[in-house]
């Protein structure tokens, strides 16, 4: 008996899974090229609104692009100068902080034994070593600064993407059969992506500034470094703020004591509640959200696929996929599955009219 592969649901599913595995394997092999490119696209999306705003104010495309590129270059140089030395100093002092933290864990185990609670120090090191969290933070920052070593390539790619952004709709009109209908959906997709990235970047920047000021007031070492880490990990909702708070809280325990560490944790909670749960939902809208499970799985998947930069871009990449799926009636059900629960969606405000 012959099986018609064109009408067999099982065969179609197997073909889709096989194609997915091939694509993922190709992306894994192309990581050195793919990571700078995705970072360039991310920066270009952030830079596109200022570029178009300058063009509407009467500047030519070349002059507006020059102003935007100079702004990006200045911001990158300033951030590299301020954070680069902090990353080097923290990496150099990391073994000292880890040893102090292990000593405090040992002292805490001995303190519990005085109350008859026997907790093996070796067991804590094997299954719950707090010093590894500080090492993980250093690895993320070092990996991100390593990618920025390709700054010239990334900046050049951003320039070419922005140059093509203005002429891309006219090219699509020449190749599409029904350009108006297709461009309407494509424009809505691009606007939603730009809006999501712009709002998330603004909220992440405010979160990073608030965290840096709070840590500076308390007196924790490297406040600017932890502010940058909070800015980067704020792109990962729900769990990103927790991951960003663990290293400075542990550093506060080593440097200033448990009370200061508690103040650091309260400061992180306050900043993330204000910006993440109050301010951001008012601008983001119910259509731009992901379920907690999808956020965690995307963090694991993109982190495994693309390294530290993949972890930082995991939610923007998954959010872009969700917006793309939501733009078609055939795939909207997948976008609904990726979105938050019905209760969370009903509590969120509706998107504002643009």
C-alpha atoms as a PDB file:
ATOM      1  CA  UNK A   1       0.000   0.000   0.000  1.00  0.00           C
ATOM      2  CA  UNK A   2       1.374   3.414  -0.951  1.00  0.00           C
ATOM      3  CA  UNK A   3       1.219   6.385   1.414  1.00  0.00           C
ATOM      4  CA  UNK A   4       0.672   9.799  -0.124  1.00  0.00           C
ATOM      5  CA  UNK A   5       3.256  11.932   1.664  1.00  0.00           C
ATOM      6  CA  UNK A   6       1.540  15.111   0.525  1.00  0.00           C
ATOM      7  CA  UNK A   7      -1.573  14.301   2.585  1.00  0.00           C
ATOM      8  CA  UNK A   8      -0.004  12.403   5.484  1.00  0.00           C
ATOM      9  CA  UNK A   9      -0.019  14.500   8.669  1.00  0.00           C
ATOM     10  CA  UNK A  10       2.636  12.324  10.277  1.00  0.00           C
ATOM     11  CA  UNK A  11       4.966  12.721   7.310  1.00  0.00           C
ATOM     12  CA  UNK A  12       4.522  16.499   7.322  1.00  0.00           C
ATOM     13  CA  UNK A  13       5.329  16.641  11.030  1.00  0.00           C
ATOM     14  CA  UNK A  14       8.470  14.547  10.521  1.00  0.00           C
ATOM     15  CA  UNK A  15       9.571  16.775   7.641  1.00  0.00           C
ATOM     16  CA  UNK A  16       9.038  19.915   9.723  1.00  0.00           C
ATOM     17  CA  UNK A  17      11.007  18.418  12.649  1.00  0.00           C
ATOM     18  CA  UNK A  18      13.829  17.324  10.338  1.00  0.00           C
ATOM     19  CA  UNK A  19      13.976  20.780   8.753  1.00  0.00           C
ATOM     20  CA  UNK A  20      14.051  22.366  12.230  1.00  0.00           C
ATOM     21  CA  UNK A  21      16.976  20.163  13.293  1.00  0.00           C
ATOM     22  CA  UNK A  22      18.890  21.027  10.116  1.00  0.00           C
ATOM     23  CA  UNK A  23      18.282  24.758  10.600  1.00  0.00           C
ATOM     24  CA  UNK A  24      19.327  24.652  14.265  1.00  0.00           C
ATOM     25  CA  UNK A  25      22.489  22.689  13.394  1.00  0.00           C
ATOM     26  CA  UNK A  26      23.314  25.245  10.714  1.00  0.00           C
ATOM     27  CA  UNK A  27      22.793  28.144  13.137  1.00  0.00           C
ATOM     28  CA  UNK A  28      24.987  26.417  15.696  1.00  0.00           C
ATOM     29  CA  UNK A  29      27.769  25.994  13.144  1.00  0.00           C
ATOM     30  CA  UNK A  30      27.392  29.616  11.968  1.00  0.00           C
ATOM     31  CA  UNK A  31      27.475  31.091  15.504  1.00  0.00           C
ATOM     32  CA  UNK A  32      30.610  33.268  14.917  1.00  0.00           C
ATOM     33  CA  UNK A  33      28.848  34.986  12.005  1.00  0.00           C
ATOM     34  CA  UNK A  34      25.268  34.844  13.277  1.00  0.00           C
ATOM     35  CA  UNK A  35      25.880  36.467  16.675  1.00  0.00           C
ATOM     36  CA  UNK A  36      27.353  39.751  15.314  1.00  0.00           C
ATOM     37  CA  UNK A  37      24.630  39.851  12.652  1.00  0.00           C
ATOM     38  CA  UNK A  38      21.769  39.435  15.157  1.00  0.00           C
ATOM     39  CA  UNK A  39      23.369  42.035  17.412  1.00  0.00           C
ATOM     40  CA  UNK A  40      23.593  44.378  14.414  1.00  0.00           C
ATOM     41  CA  UNK A  41      19.903  43.853  13.580  1.00  0.00           C
ATOM     42  CA  UNK A  42      18.994  44.513  17.219  1.00  0.00           C
ATOM     43  CA  UNK A  43      20.982  47.779  17.261  1.00  0.00           C
ATOM     44  CA  UNK A  44      19.568  48.790  13.864  1.00  0.00           C
ATOM     45  CA  UNK A  45      15.980  48.353  15.127  1.00  0.00           C
ATOM     46  CA  UNK A  46      16.796  50.635  18.066  1.00  0.00           C
ATOM     47  CA  UNK A  47      18.432  53.207  15.766  1.00  0.00           C
ATOM     48  CA  UNK A  48      15.707  53.211  13.088  1.00  0.00           C
ATOM     49  CA  UNK A  49      13.204  55.523  14.897  1.00  0.00           C
ATOM     50  CA  UNK A  50      15.810  58.291  15.512  1.00  0.00           C
ATOM     51  CA  UNK A  51      16.968  57.977  11.891  1.00  0.00           C
ATOM     52  CA  UNK A  52      13.450  58.361  10.480  1.00  0.00           C
ATOM     53  CA  UNK A  53      12.741  61.214  12.927  1.00  0.00           C
ATOM     54  CA  UNK A  54      15.780  63.135  11.686  1.00  0.00           C
ATOM     55  CA  UNK A  55      14.714  62.517   8.095  1.00  0.00           C
ATOM     56  CA  UNK A  56      11.246  63.924   8.822  1.00  0.00           C
ATOM     57  CA  UNK A  57      12.957  67.022  10.251  1.00  0.00           C
ATOM     58  CA  UNK A  58      14.522  67.705   6.869  1.00  0.00           C
ATOM     59  CA  UNK A  59      17.948  66.065   7.139  1.00  0.00           C
ATOM     60  CA  UNK A  60      19.204  64.051   4.210  1.00  0.00           C
ATOM     61  CA  UNK A  61      19.556  60.299   4.559  1.00  0.00           C
ATOM     62  CA  UNK A  62      23.348  60.477   4.646  1.00  0.00           C
ATOM     63  CA  UNK A  63      23.481  63.233   7.266  1.00  0.00           C
ATOM     64  CA  UNK A  64      20.817  61.618   9.449  1.00  0.00           C
ATOM     65  CA  UNK A  65      22.641  58.287   9.255  1.00  0.00           C
ATOM     66  CA  UNK A  66      25.914  59.991  10.173  1.00  0.00           C
ATOM     67  CA  UNK A  67      24.349  61.576  13.254  1.00  0.00           C
ATOM     68  CA  UNK A  68      22.829  58.245  14.387  1.00  0.00           C
ATOM     69  CA  UNK A  69      26.040  56.281  13.788  1.00  0.00           C
ATOM     70  CA  UNK A  70      28.097  58.881  15.669  1.00  0.00           C
ATOM     71  CA  UNK A  71      25.630  58.626  18.551  1.00  0.00           C
ATOM     72  CA  UNK A  72      25.913  54.835  18.621  1.00  0.00           C
ATOM     73  CA  UNK A  73      29.700  55.039  18.400  1.00  0.00           C
ATOM     74  CA  UNK A  74      29.881  57.602  21.205  1.00  0.00           C
ATOM     75  CA  UNK A  75      27.584  55.534  23.429  1.00  0.00           C
ATOM     76  CA  UNK A  76      29.605  52.382  22.730  1.00  0.00           C
ATOM     77  CA  UNK A  77      32.922  54.068  23.485  1.00  0.00           C
ATOM     78  CA  UNK A  78      31.552  55.614  26.671  1.00  0.00           C
ATOM     79  CA  UNK A  79      30.083  52.324  27.851  1.00  0.00           C
ATOM     80  CA  UNK A  80      33.256  50.435  26.976  1.00  0.00           C
ATOM     81  CA  UNK A  81      35.444  52.936  28.817  1.00  0.00           C
ATOM     82  CA  UNK A  82      33.259  52.899  31.928  1.00  0.00           C
ATOM     83  CA  UNK A  83      32.487  49.180  32.100  1.00  0.00           C
ATOM     84  CA  UNK A  84      35.592  47.628  30.541  1.00  0.00           C
ATOM     85  CA  UNK A  85      37.867  48.463  33.464  1.00  0.00           C
ATOM     86  CA  UNK A  86      35.207  47.300  35.950  1.00  0.00           C
ATOM     87  CA  UNK A  87      34.907  43.936  34.168  1.00  0.00           C
ATOM     88  CA  UNK A  88      38.679  43.484  34.276  1.00  0.00           C
ATOM     89  CA  UNK A  89      38.906  44.460  37.952  1.00  0.00           C
ATOM     90  CA  UNK A  90      36.002  42.238  38.942  1.00  0.00           C
ATOM     91  CA  UNK A  91      37.426  39.281  36.998  1.00  0.00           C
ATOM     92  CA  UNK A  92      40.754  39.801  38.721  1.00  0.00           C
ATOM     93  CA  UNK A  93      39.191  40.022  42.205  1.00  0.00           C
ATOM     94  CA  UNK A  94      36.685  37.218  41.579  1.00  0.00           C
ATOM     95  CA  UNK A  95      38.807  34.427  43.207  1.00  0.00           C
ATOM     96  CA  UNK A  96      39.103  36.535  46.372  1.00  0.00           C
ATOM     97  CA  UNK A  97      35.344  37.067  46.560  1.00  0.00           C
ATOM     98  CA  UNK A  98      34.708  33.375  45.910  1.00  0.00           C
ATOM     99  CA  UNK A  99      37.064  32.316  48.718  1.00  0.00           C
ATOM    100  CA  UNK A 100      35.413  34.732  51.150  1.00  0.00           C
ATOM    101  CA  UNK A 101      31.976  33.488  50.184  1.00  0.00           C
ATOM    102  CA  UNK A 102      32.996  29.866  50.678  1.00  0.00           C
ATOM    103  CA  UNK A 103      34.417  30.759  54.110  1.00  0.00           C
ATOM    104  CA  UNK A 104      31.127  32.392  55.071  1.00  0.00           C
ATOM    105  CA  UNK A 105      29.200  29.332  53.894  1.00  0.00           C
ATOM    106  CA  UNK A 106      31.483  27.182  56.050  1.00  0.00           C
ATOM    107  CA  UNK A 107      30.931  29.489  59.047  1.00  0.00           C
ATOM    108  CA  UNK A 108      27.166  29.323  58.502  1.00  0.00           C
ATOM    109  CA  UNK A 109      27.322  25.502  58.403  1.00  0.00           C
ATOM    110  CA  UNK A 110      29.268  25.486  61.678  1.00  0.00           C
ATOM    111  CA  UNK A 111      26.702  27.885  63.179  1.00  0.00           C
ATOM    112  CA  UNK A 112      23.853  25.537  62.244  1.00  0.00           C
ATOM    113  CA  UNK A 113      25.686  22.586  63.760  1.00  0.00           C
ATOM    114  CA  UNK A 114      25.529  24.399  67.099  1.00  0.00           C
ATOM    115  CA  UNK A 115      21.748  23.977  66.928  1.00  0.00           C
ATOM    116  CA  UNK A 116      22.017  20.314  66.001  1.00  0.00           C
ATOM    117  CA  UNK A 117      21.530  20.896  62.248  1.00  0.00           C
ATOM    118  CA  UNK A 118      24.293  19.041  60.439  1.00  0.00           C
ATOM    119  CA  UNK A 119      24.885  20.437  56.970  1.00  0.00           C
ATOM    120  CA  UNK A 120      27.834  19.088  55.006  1.00  0.00           C
ATOM    121  CA  UNK A 121      29.958  21.904  53.596  1.00  0.00           C
ATOM    122  CA  UNK A 122      31.065  19.647  50.743  1.00  0.00           C
ATOM    123  CA  UNK A 123      27.423  18.892  49.944  1.00  0.00           C
ATOM    124  CA  UNK A 124      26.706  22.624  49.737  1.00  0.00           C
ATOM    125  CA  UNK A 125      29.654  23.125  47.393  1.00  0.00           C
ATOM    126  CA  UNK A 126      28.566  20.239  45.184  1.00  0.00           C
ATOM    127  CA  UNK A 127      24.892  21.148  44.837  1.00  0.00           C
ATOM    128  CA  UNK A 128      24.596  24.795  45.882  1.00  0.00           C
ATOM    129  CA  UNK A 129      27.751  26.809  45.491  1.00  0.00           C
ATOM    130  CA  UNK A 130      26.862  30.545  45.600  1.00  0.00           C
ATOM    131  CA  UNK A 131      30.303  31.447  44.252  1.00  0.00           C
ATOM    132  CA  UNK A 132      29.351  29.890  40.917  1.00  0.00           C
ATOM    133  CA  UNK A 133      26.689  32.575  40.454  1.00  0.00           C
ATOM    134  CA  UNK A 134      29.357  35.283  40.608  1.00  0.00           C
ATOM    135  CA  UNK A 135      31.484  33.311  38.160  1.00  0.00           C
ATOM    136  CA  UNK A 136      28.506  32.969  35.819  1.00  0.00           C
ATOM    137  CA  UNK A 137      27.946  36.742  35.888  1.00  0.00           C
ATOM    138  CA  UNK A 138      31.603  37.334  35.068  1.00  0.00           C
ATOM    139  CA  UNK A 139      31.350  34.854  32.203  1.00  0.00           C
ATOM    140  CA  UNK A 140      28.289  36.596  30.741  1.00  0.00           C
ATOM    141  CA  UNK A 141      29.948  40.015  30.890  1.00  0.00           C
ATOM    142  CA  UNK A 142      33.220  38.710  29.487  1.00  0.00           C
ATOM    143  CA  UNK A 143      31.421  36.930  26.648  1.00  0.00           C
ATOM    144  CA  UNK A 144      29.468  40.059  25.795  1.00  0.00           C
ATOM    145  CA  UNK A 145      32.581  42.241  25.762  1.00  0.00           C
ATOM    146  CA  UNK A 146      34.257  39.598  23.582  1.00  0.00           C
ATOM    147  CA  UNK A 147      31.518  40.008  21.002  1.00  0.00           C
ATOM    148  CA  UNK A 148      32.046  43.771  21.094  1.00  0.00           C
ATOM    149  CA  UNK A 149      35.592  43.115  19.884  1.00  0.00           C
ATOM    150  CA  UNK A 150      33.918  42.886  16.458  1.00  0.00           C
ATOM    151  CA  UNK A 151      32.604  46.427  16.953  1.00  0.00           C
ATOM    152  CA  UNK A 152      33.716  47.633  13.523  1.00  0.00           C
ATOM    153  CA  UNK A 153      31.956  44.756  11.741  1.00  0.00           C
ATOM    154  CA  UNK A 154      28.804  45.263  13.823  1.00  0.00           C
ATOM    155  CA  UNK A 155      28.774  49.024  13.196  1.00  0.00           C
ATOM    156  CA  UNK A 156      29.314  48.537   9.461  1.00  0.00           C
ATOM    157  CA  UNK A 157      26.435  46.038   9.309  1.00  0.00           C
ATOM    158  CA  UNK A 158      24.186  48.467  11.193  1.00  0.00           C
ATOM    159  CA  UNK A 159      24.989  51.190   8.645  1.00  0.00           C
ATOM    160  CA  UNK A 160      24.077  48.955   5.693  1.00  0.00           C
ATOM    161  CA  UNK A 161      20.863  47.759   7.372  1.00  0.00           C
ATOM    162  CA  UNK A 162      19.756  51.344   8.003  1.00  0.00           C
ATOM    163  CA  UNK A 163      20.594  52.316   4.435  1.00  0.00           C
ATOM    164  CA  UNK A 164      18.456  49.459   3.116  1.00  0.00           C
ATOM    165  CA  UNK A 165      15.586  50.187   5.522  1.00  0.00           C
ATOM    166  CA  UNK A 166      14.342  53.181   3.533  1.00  0.00           C
ATOM    167  CA  UNK A 167      14.424  51.470   0.127  1.00  0.00           C
ATOM    168  CA  UNK A 168      13.206  48.016   1.187  1.00  0.00           C
ATOM    169  CA  UNK A 169       9.432  48.733   0.867  1.00  0.00           C
ATOM    170  CA  UNK A 170       9.867  49.962  -2.729  1.00  0.00           C
ATOM    171  CA  UNK A 171      11.758  46.761  -3.590  1.00  0.00           C
ATOM    172  CA  UNK A 172       8.964  44.650  -2.105  1.00  0.00           C
ATOM    173  CA  UNK A 173       6.389  46.514  -4.199  1.00  0.00           C
ATOM    174  CA  UNK A 174       8.201  45.436  -7.347  1.00  0.00           C
ATOM    175  CA  UNK A 175       8.371  41.732  -6.461  1.00  0.00           C
ATOM    176  CA  UNK A 176       5.042  41.090  -4.700  1.00  0.00           C
ATOM    177  CA  UNK A 177       1.851  40.181  -6.547  1.00  0.00           C
ATOM    178  CA  UNK A 178      -0.378  42.078  -4.102  1.00  0.00           C
ATOM    179  CA  UNK A 179       2.007  44.669  -2.647  1.00  0.00           C
ATOM    180  CA  UNK A 180      -0.523  46.742  -0.687  1.00  0.00           C
ATOM    181  CA  UNK A 181      -1.946  43.789   1.260  1.00  0.00           C
ATOM    182  CA  UNK A 182       1.457  42.210   1.874  1.00  0.00           C
ATOM    183  CA  UNK A 183       3.120  45.488   2.833  1.00  0.00           C
ATOM    184  CA  UNK A 184       0.326  46.270   5.271  1.00  0.00           C
ATOM    185  CA  UNK A 185       1.021  43.087   7.213  1.00  0.00           C
ATOM    186  CA  UNK A 186       4.772  43.539   6.900  1.00  0.00           C
ATOM    187  CA  UNK A 187       4.578  47.155   8.128  1.00  0.00           C
ATOM    188  CA  UNK A 188       2.460  46.105  11.113  1.00  0.00           C
ATOM    189  CA  UNK A 189       5.005  43.402  11.952  1.00  0.00           C
ATOM    190  CA  UNK A 190       7.946  45.845  11.733  1.00  0.00           C
ATOM    191  CA  UNK A 191       6.148  48.493  13.793  1.00  0.00           C
ATOM    192  CA  UNK A 192       5.319  45.986  16.538  1.00  0.00           C
ATOM    193  CA  UNK A 193       8.913  44.774  16.666  1.00  0.00           C
ATOM    194  CA  UNK A 194      10.270  48.337  16.787  1.00  0.00           C
ATOM    195  CA  UNK A 195       7.761  49.293  19.447  1.00  0.00           C
ATOM    196  CA  UNK A 196       8.592  46.281  21.590  1.00  0.00           C
ATOM    197  CA  UNK A 197      12.365  46.808  21.313  1.00  0.00           C
ATOM    198  CA  UNK A 198      12.078  50.558  21.980  1.00  0.00           C
ATOM    199  CA  UNK A 199       9.902  50.142  25.075  1.00  0.00           C
ATOM    200  CA  UNK A 200      11.991  47.264  26.426  1.00  0.00           C
ATOM    201  CA  UNK A 201      15.239  49.183  25.870  1.00  0.00           C
ATOM    202  CA  UNK A 202      13.889  52.273  27.655  1.00  0.00           C
ATOM    203  CA  UNK A 203      12.644  50.220  30.617  1.00  0.00           C
ATOM    204  CA  UNK A 204      15.915  48.282  30.777  1.00  0.00           C
ATOM    205  CA  UNK A 205      17.911  51.529  30.782  1.00  0.00           C
ATOM    206  CA  UNK A 206      15.805  52.950  33.611  1.00  0.00           C
ATOM    207  CA  UNK A 207      16.186  49.697  35.547  1.00  0.00           C
ATOM    208  CA  UNK A 208      19.976  49.723  35.099  1.00  0.00           C
ATOM    209  CA  UNK A 209      20.256  53.364  36.203  1.00  0.00           C
ATOM    210  CA  UNK A 210      18.074  52.759  39.251  1.00  0.00           C
ATOM    211  CA  UNK A 211      20.075  49.697  40.291  1.00  0.00           C
ATOM    212  CA  UNK A 212      23.427  51.474  39.814  1.00  0.00           C
ATOM    213  CA  UNK A 213      22.325  54.462  41.927  1.00  0.00           C
ATOM    214  CA  UNK A 214      20.988  52.195  44.698  1.00  0.00           C
ATOM    215  CA  UNK A 215      24.193  50.142  44.863  1.00  0.00           C
ATOM    216  CA  UNK A 216      26.291  53.329  44.817  1.00  0.00           C
ATOM    217  CA  UNK A 217      24.357  54.675  47.812  1.00  0.00           C
ATOM    218  CA  UNK A 218      24.783  51.423  49.755  1.00  0.00           C
ATOM    219  CA  UNK A 219      28.486  51.187  48.869  1.00  0.00           C
ATOM    220  CA  UNK A 220      28.668  47.916  46.942  1.00  0.00           C
ATOM    221  CA  UNK A 221      31.707  47.532  44.688  1.00  0.00           C
ATOM    222  CA  UNK A 222      31.307  48.002  40.909  1.00  0.00           C
ATOM    223  CA  UNK A 223      27.818  49.612  40.936  1.00  0.00           C
ATOM    224  CA  UNK A 224      28.091  50.591  37.260  1.00  0.00           C
ATOM    225  CA  UNK A 225      28.948  47.013  36.314  1.00  0.00           C
ATOM    226  CA  UNK A 226      25.872  45.637  38.108  1.00  0.00           C
ATOM    227  CA  UNK A 227      23.750  48.369  36.551  1.00  0.00           C
ATOM    228  CA  UNK A 228      24.867  47.262  33.084  1.00  0.00           C
ATOM    229  CA  UNK A 229      24.144  43.624  33.999  1.00  0.00           C
ATOM    230  CA  UNK A 230      20.656  44.625  35.185  1.00  0.00           C
ATOM    231  CA  UNK A 231      20.135  46.538  31.910  1.00  0.00           C
ATOM    232  CA  UNK A 232      21.147  43.535  29.809  1.00  0.00           C
ATOM    233  CA  UNK A 233      19.250  40.870  31.759  1.00  0.00           C
ATOM    234  CA  UNK A 234      16.112  43.011  31.954  1.00  0.00           C
ATOM    235  CA  UNK A 235      15.452  41.899  28.364  1.00  0.00           C
ATOM    236  CA  UNK A 236      14.657  38.513  29.964  1.00  0.00           C
ATOM    237  CA  UNK A 237      11.421  39.143  31.920  1.00  0.00           C
ATOM    238  CA  UNK A 238      10.475  37.340  35.132  1.00  0.00           C
ATOM    239  CA  UNK A 239      13.773  35.520  35.699  1.00  0.00           C
ATOM    240  CA  UNK A 240      16.195  38.098  34.280  1.00  0.00           C
ATOM    241  CA  UNK A 241      15.856  40.411  37.259  1.00  0.00           C
ATOM    242  CA  UNK A 242      16.518  37.500  39.625  1.00  0.00           C
ATOM    243  CA  UNK A 243      19.642  36.454  37.725  1.00  0.00           C
ATOM    244  CA  UNK A 244      20.886  40.060  37.719  1.00  0.00           C
ATOM    245  CA  UNK A 245      20.333  40.464  41.473  1.00  0.00           C
ATOM    246  CA  UNK A 246      22.125  37.317  42.684  1.00  0.00           C
ATOM    247  CA  UNK A 247      25.802  38.367  42.082  1.00  0.00           C
ATOM    248  CA  UNK A 248      25.571  41.854  43.728  1.00  0.00           C
ATOM    249  CA  UNK A 249      23.610  40.425  46.671  1.00  0.00           C
ATOM    250  CA  UNK A 250      26.330  37.811  47.207  1.00  0.00           C
ATOM    251  CA  UNK A 251      28.999  40.501  46.814  1.00  0.00           C
ATOM    252  CA  UNK A 252      27.210  42.625  49.422  1.00  0.00           C
ATOM    253  CA  UNK A 253      27.234  39.648  51.808  1.00  0.00           C
ATOM    254  CA  UNK A 254      31.003  39.288  51.378  1.00  0.00           C
ATOM    255  CA  UNK A 255      31.795  43.008  51.421  1.00  0.00           C
ATOM    256  CA  UNK A 256      29.285  44.641  53.778  1.00  0.00           C
ATOM    257  CA  UNK A 257      27.393  41.922  55.631  1.00  0.00           C
ATOM    258  CA  UNK A 258      23.912  40.341  55.626  1.00  0.00           C
ATOM    259  CA  UNK A 259      22.007  43.558  56.446  1.00  0.00           C
ATOM    260  CA  UNK A 260      23.442  45.414  53.450  1.00  0.00           C
ATOM    261  CA  UNK A 261      22.754  42.383  51.264  1.00  0.00           C
ATOM    262  CA  UNK A 262      19.115  42.520  52.389  1.00  0.00           C
ATOM    263  CA  UNK A 263      18.970  46.218  51.453  1.00  0.00           C
ATOM    264  CA  UNK A 264      20.428  45.381  48.029  1.00  0.00           C
ATOM    265  CA  UNK A 265      17.786  42.684  47.488  1.00  0.00           C
ATOM    266  CA  UNK A 266      15.002  45.065  48.563  1.00  0.00           C
ATOM    267  CA  UNK A 267      16.325  47.721  46.186  1.00  0.00           C
ATOM    268  CA  UNK A 268      16.300  45.283  43.263  1.00  0.00           C
ATOM    269  CA  UNK A 269      12.770  44.188  44.155  1.00  0.00           C
ATOM    270  CA  UNK A 270      11.559  47.794  44.375  1.00  0.00           C
ATOM    271  CA  UNK A 271      13.137  48.862  41.067  1.00  0.00           C
ATOM    272  CA  UNK A 272      11.818  45.815  39.185  1.00  0.00           C
ATOM    273  CA  UNK A 273       8.321  46.137  40.659  1.00  0.00           C
ATOM    274  CA  UNK A 274       8.112  49.815  39.668  1.00  0.00           C
ATOM    275  CA  UNK A 275       9.487  49.495  36.145  1.00  0.00           C
ATOM    276  CA  UNK A 276       8.630  45.870  35.340  1.00  0.00           C
ATOM    277  CA  UNK A 277       5.148  45.552  36.866  1.00  0.00           C
ATOM    278  CA  UNK A 278       3.812  49.125  36.858  1.00  0.00           C
ATOM    279  CA  UNK A 279       5.433  51.276  34.164  1.00  0.00           C
ATOM    280  CA  UNK A 280       6.246  48.746  31.435  1.00  0.00           C
ATOM    281  CA  UNK A 281       2.795  47.059  31.186  1.00  0.00           C
ATOM    282  CA  UNK A 282       1.156  50.467  30.673  1.00  0.00           C
ATOM    283  CA  UNK A 283       3.133  50.938  27.467  1.00  0.00           C
ATOM    284  CA  UNK A 284       3.650  47.355  26.302  1.00  0.00           C
ATOM    285  CA  UNK A 285       0.022  46.223  25.967  1.00  0.00           C
ATOM    286  CA  UNK A 286      -1.492  42.770  26.174  1.00  0.00           C
ATOM    287  CA  UNK A 287      -0.404  41.693  22.683  1.00  0.00           C
ATOM    288  CA  UNK A 288       3.302  41.874  23.499  1.00  0.00           C
ATOM    289  CA  UNK A 289       3.944  39.224  26.113  1.00  0.00           C
ATOM    290  CA  UNK A 290       5.269  35.706  26.598  1.00  0.00           C
ATOM    291  CA  UNK A 291       4.428  32.998  29.080  1.00  0.00           C
ATOM    292  CA  UNK A 292       6.912  32.332  31.856  1.00  0.00           C
ATOM    293  CA  UNK A 293       7.605  28.827  30.548  1.00  0.00           C
ATOM    294  CA  UNK A 294       8.363  30.147  27.049  1.00  0.00           C
ATOM    295  CA  UNK A 295      10.703  32.779  28.538  1.00  0.00           C
ATOM    296  CA  UNK A 296      12.654  30.114  30.429  1.00  0.00           C
ATOM    297  CA  UNK A 297      12.808  27.708  27.482  1.00  0.00           C
ATOM    298  CA  UNK A 298      13.876  30.491  25.102  1.00  0.00           C
ATOM    299  CA  UNK A 299      16.638  31.479  27.532  1.00  0.00           C
ATOM    300  CA  UNK A 300      17.944  27.900  27.613  1.00  0.00           C
ATOM    301  CA  UNK A 301      17.592  27.353  23.855  1.00  0.00           C
ATOM    302  CA  UNK A 302      19.124  30.608  22.597  1.00  0.00           C
ATOM    303  CA  UNK A 303      21.814  30.499  25.306  1.00  0.00           C
ATOM    304  CA  UNK A 304      22.830  27.008  24.178  1.00  0.00           C
ATOM    305  CA  UNK A 305      22.655  28.022  20.522  1.00  0.00           C
ATOM    306  CA  UNK A 306      24.391  31.420  20.571  1.00  0.00           C
ATOM    307  CA  UNK A 307      26.136  31.692  23.935  1.00  0.00           C
ATOM    308  CA  UNK A 308      25.869  34.708  26.317  1.00  0.00           C
ATOM    309  CA  UNK A 309      24.580  37.039  23.586  1.00  0.00           C
ATOM    310  CA  UNK A 310      21.886  34.487  22.771  1.00  0.00           C
ATOM    311  CA  UNK A 311      20.776  34.579  26.413  1.00  0.00           C
ATOM    312  CA  UNK A 312      20.520  38.369  26.312  1.00  0.00           C
ATOM    313  CA  UNK A 313      18.651  38.373  22.996  1.00  0.00           C
ATOM    314  CA  UNK A 314      16.552  35.284  23.766  1.00  0.00           C
ATOM    315  CA  UNK A 315      13.320  37.101  24.560  1.00  0.00           C
ATOM    316  CA  UNK A 316      13.604  39.740  21.774  1.00  0.00           C
ATOM    317  CA  UNK A 317      14.221  36.913  19.279  1.00  0.00           C
ATOM    318  CA  UNK A 318      11.302  34.849  20.594  1.00  0.00           C
ATOM    319  CA  UNK A 319       9.140  37.966  20.744  1.00  0.00           C
ATOM    320  CA  UNK A 320       9.943  38.656  17.089  1.00  0.00           C
ATOM    321  CA  UNK A 321       8.894  35.100  16.203  1.00  0.00           C
ATOM    322  CA  UNK A 322       5.635  35.557  18.137  1.00  0.00           C
ATOM    323  CA  UNK A 323       4.843  38.828  16.336  1.00  0.00           C
ATOM    324  CA  UNK A 324       5.594  37.166  12.983  1.00  0.00           C
ATOM    325  CA  UNK A 325       3.340  34.217  13.817  1.00  0.00           C
ATOM    326  CA  UNK A 326       0.572  36.554  14.982  1.00  0.00           C
ATOM    327  CA  UNK A 327       0.625  38.432  11.656  1.00  0.00           C
ATOM    328  CA  UNK A 328      -0.831  35.418   9.790  1.00  0.00           C
ATOM    329  CA  UNK A 329      -4.187  33.759  10.359  1.00  0.00           C
ATOM    330  CA  UNK A 330      -2.691  30.303   9.712  1.00  0.00           C
ATOM    331  CA  UNK A 331      -0.072  30.610  12.480  1.00  0.00           C
ATOM    332  CA  UNK A 332      -1.882  32.832  14.982  1.00  0.00           C
ATOM    333  CA  UNK A 333      -2.648  29.802  17.164  1.00  0.00           C
ATOM    334  CA  UNK A 334       1.081  29.330  17.735  1.00  0.00           C
ATOM    335  CA  UNK A 335       1.400  32.972  18.811  1.00  0.00           C
ATOM    336  CA  UNK A 336      -1.432  32.420  21.308  1.00  0.00           C
ATOM    337  CA  UNK A 337       0.359  29.378  22.752  1.00  0.00           C
ATOM    338  CA  UNK A 338       3.548  31.423  23.173  1.00  0.00           C
ATOM    339  CA  UNK A 339       1.677  34.253  24.902  1.00  0.00           C
ATOM    340  CA  UNK A 340       0.836  34.700  28.580  1.00  0.00           C
ATOM    341  CA  UNK A 341      -2.093  33.062  30.357  1.00  0.00           C
ATOM    342  CA  UNK A 342      -5.634  34.329  29.901  1.00  0.00           C
ATOM    343  CA  UNK A 343      -5.607  35.869  33.385  1.00  0.00           C
ATOM    344  CA  UNK A 344      -2.381  37.786  32.723  1.00  0.00           C
ATOM    345  CA  UNK A 345      -3.613  38.925  29.344  1.00  0.00           C
ATOM    346  CA  UNK A 346      -6.927  40.148  30.734  1.00  0.00           C
ATOM    347  CA  UNK A 347      -5.150  42.160  33.430  1.00  0.00           C
ATOM    348  CA  UNK A 348      -2.876  43.911  30.925  1.00  0.00           C
ATOM    349  CA  UNK A 349      -4.015  47.127  29.232  1.00  0.00           C
ATOM    350  CA  UNK A 350      -4.839  47.143  25.565  1.00  0.00           C
ATOM    351  CA  UNK A 351      -2.203  48.539  23.180  1.00  0.00           C
ATOM    352  CA  UNK A 352      -2.461  52.219  22.410  1.00  0.00           C
ATOM    353  CA  UNK A 353      -3.412  53.309  18.945  1.00  0.00           C
ATOM    354  CA  UNK A 354      -0.410  54.425  16.974  1.00  0.00           C
END
